[in-house]
Amino acid sequence: MKVYTYSEARQRLADVLNIARSEEVVIKRRGGETFSIIFRKSKKSPFDVPGIQTKATTKDILEAVRESRERFSEENVED
């Protein structure tokens, strides 16, 4: 565990964050308060999915979206 004063941590913030990747860092303020900095790995986004190979063109995809929207709007008109 590394301990820094508030002033030291402020001046060396990039170093402090790099050290926090491997061990806990504590920052002490003049009034006696202490704060811990702990590195957390970010979770992957649920939108981070692998791509797929397809022979569909942009025109094919836009046409499918257009048809789907037309069907949806027709269903809502009939209700």
C-alpha atoms as a PDB file:
ATOM      1  CA  MET A   1       0.000   0.000   0.000  1.00  0.00           C
ATOM      2  CA  LYS A   2       1.317   3.416  -0.987  1.00  0.00           C
ATOM      3  CA  VAL A   3       0.405   6.505   1.038  1.00  0.00           C
ATOM      4  CA  TYR A   4       0.455  10.050  -0.338  1.00  0.00           C
ATOM      5  CA  THR A   5      -0.530  13.405   1.031  1.00  0.00           C
ATOM      6  CA  TYR A   6      -3.246  15.233  -0.843  1.00  0.00           C
ATOM      7  CA  SER A   7      -0.684  17.645  -2.325  1.00  0.00           C
ATOM      8  CA  GLU A   8       1.627  14.827  -3.463  1.00  0.00           C
ATOM      9  CA  ALA A   9      -1.252  12.929  -5.032  1.00  0.00           C
ATOM     10  CA  ARG A  10      -2.492  16.023  -6.837  1.00  0.00           C
ATOM     11  CA  GLN A  11       0.956  16.757  -8.269  1.00  0.00           C
ATOM     12  CA  ARG A  12       1.569  13.149  -9.316  1.00  0.00           C
ATOM     13  CA  LEU A  13      -1.965  12.044 -10.204  1.00  0.00           C
ATOM     14  CA  ALA A  14      -0.967  10.067 -13.313  1.00  0.00           C
ATOM     15  CA  ASP A  15       1.691   8.184 -11.323  1.00  0.00           C
ATOM     16  CA  VAL A  16      -0.729   7.569  -8.454  1.00  0.00           C
ATOM     17  CA  LEU A  17      -3.312   6.084 -10.821  1.00  0.00           C
ATOM     18  CA  ASN A  18      -0.714   3.856 -12.481  1.00  0.00           C
ATOM     19  CA  ILE A  19       0.439   2.580  -9.083  1.00  0.00           C
ATOM     20  CA  ALA A  20      -3.195   1.927  -8.125  1.00  0.00           C
ATOM     21  CA  ARG A  21      -3.351  -0.641 -10.950  1.00  0.00           C
ATOM     22  CA  SER A  22      -1.196  -2.981  -8.875  1.00  0.00           C
ATOM     23  CA  GLU A  23      -1.778  -1.945  -5.266  1.00  0.00           C
ATOM     24  CA  GLU A  24      -4.011   0.133  -3.059  1.00  0.00           C
ATOM     25  CA  VAL A  25      -3.161   3.821  -2.796  1.00  0.00           C
ATOM     26  CA  VAL A  26      -4.159   5.900   0.221  1.00  0.00           C
ATOM     27  CA  ILE A  27      -4.392   9.677   0.146  1.00  0.00           C
ATOM     28  CA  LYS A  28      -4.275  11.536   3.470  1.00  0.00           C
ATOM     29  CA  ARG A  29      -5.668  15.008   3.936  1.00  0.00           C
ATOM     30  CA  ARG A  30      -4.381  17.511   6.465  1.00  0.00           C
ATOM     31  CA  GLY A  31      -7.441  17.044   8.704  1.00  0.00           C
ATOM     32  CA  GLY A  32      -6.726  13.322   9.065  1.00  0.00           C
ATOM     33  CA  GLU A  33      -9.229  12.024   6.519  1.00  0.00           C
ATOM     34  CA  THR A  34      -7.988   9.142   4.357  1.00  0.00           C
ATOM     35  CA  PHE A  35      -9.201   7.980   0.960  1.00  0.00           C
ATOM     36  CA  SER A  36      -8.384   4.767  -0.874  1.00  0.00           C
ATOM     37  CA  ILE A  37      -7.885   4.473  -4.604  1.00  0.00           C
ATOM     38  CA  ILE A  38      -8.488   0.994  -5.948  1.00  0.00           C
ATOM     39  CA  PHE A  39      -8.234   0.016  -9.609  1.00  0.00           C
ATOM     40  CA  ARG A  40     -11.326  -1.623 -11.074  1.00  0.00           C
ATOM     41  CA  LYS A  41     -11.375  -3.229 -14.475  1.00  0.00           C
ATOM     42  CA  SER A  42     -14.166  -1.891 -16.605  1.00  0.00           C
ATOM     43  CA  LYS A  43     -16.872  -4.302 -17.584  1.00  0.00           C
ATOM     44  CA  LYS A  44     -17.507  -4.872 -21.237  1.00  0.00           C
ATOM     45  CA  SER A  45     -20.407  -3.090 -22.790  1.00  0.00           C
ATOM     46  CA  PRO A  46     -23.407  -5.268 -23.616  1.00  0.00           C
ATOM     47  CA  PHE A  47     -23.170  -3.684 -27.072  1.00  0.00           C
ATOM     48  CA  ASP A  48     -19.616  -4.957 -27.545  1.00  0.00           C
ATOM     49  CA  VAL A  49     -20.528  -7.964 -29.677  1.00  0.00           C
ATOM     50  CA  PRO A  50     -18.598  -9.599 -32.478  1.00  0.00           C
ATOM     51  CA  GLY A  51     -19.648  -8.744 -36.013  1.00  0.00           C
ATOM     52  CA  ILE A  52     -21.170 -11.214 -38.430  1.00  0.00           C
ATOM     53  CA  GLN A  53     -20.432 -11.936 -42.064  1.00  0.00           C
ATOM     54  CA  THR A  54     -23.368 -11.456 -44.410  1.00  0.00           C
ATOM     55  CA  LYS A  55     -23.964 -10.941 -48.084  1.00  0.00           C
ATOM     56  CA  ALA A  56     -26.708  -8.394 -47.385  1.00  0.00           C
ATOM     57  CA  THR A  57     -26.028  -4.973 -48.801  1.00  0.00           C
ATOM     58  CA  THR A  58     -26.954  -1.664 -47.234  1.00  0.00           C
ATOM     59  CA  LYS A  59     -29.823  -1.485 -49.733  1.00  0.00           C
ATOM     60  CA  ASP A  60     -31.096  -4.925 -48.572  1.00  0.00           C
ATOM     61  CA  ILE A  61     -31.003  -3.885 -44.926  1.00  0.00           C
ATOM     62  CA  LEU A  62     -32.752  -0.574 -45.545  1.00  0.00           C
ATOM     63  CA  GLU A  63     -35.453  -2.337 -47.532  1.00  0.00           C
ATOM     64  CA  ALA A  64     -36.014  -4.850 -44.711  1.00  0.00           C
ATOM     65  CA  VAL A  65     -36.310  -2.010 -42.180  1.00  0.00           C
ATOM     66  CA  ARG A  66     -38.721  -0.139 -44.464  1.00  0.00           C
ATOM     67  CA  GLU A  67     -40.916  -3.253 -44.896  1.00  0.00           C
ATOM     68  CA  SER A  68     -40.929  -3.892 -41.161  1.00  0.00           C
ATOM     69  CA  ARG A  69     -41.981  -0.314 -40.428  1.00  0.00           C
ATOM     70  CA  GLU A  70     -44.752  -0.500 -43.010  1.00  0.00           C
ATOM     71  CA  ARG A  71     -46.100  -3.726 -41.496  1.00  0.00           C
ATOM     72  CA  PHE A  72     -45.941  -2.273 -37.996  1.00  0.00           C
ATOM     73  CA  SER A  73     -47.777   0.911 -38.993  1.00  0.00           C
ATOM     74  CA  GLU A  74     -50.455  -1.099 -40.851  1.00  0.00           C
ATOM     75  CA  GLU A  75     -51.041  -3.265 -37.738  1.00  0.00           C
ATOM     76  CA  ASN A  76     -51.504  -0.179 -35.567  1.00  0.00           C
ATOM     77  CA  VAL A  77     -53.946   1.438 -38.015  1.00  0.00           C
ATOM     78  CA  GLU A  78     -56.216  -1.626 -37.932  1.00  0.00           C
ATOM     79  CA  ASP A  79     -56.507  -1.598 -34.102  1.00  0.00           C
END
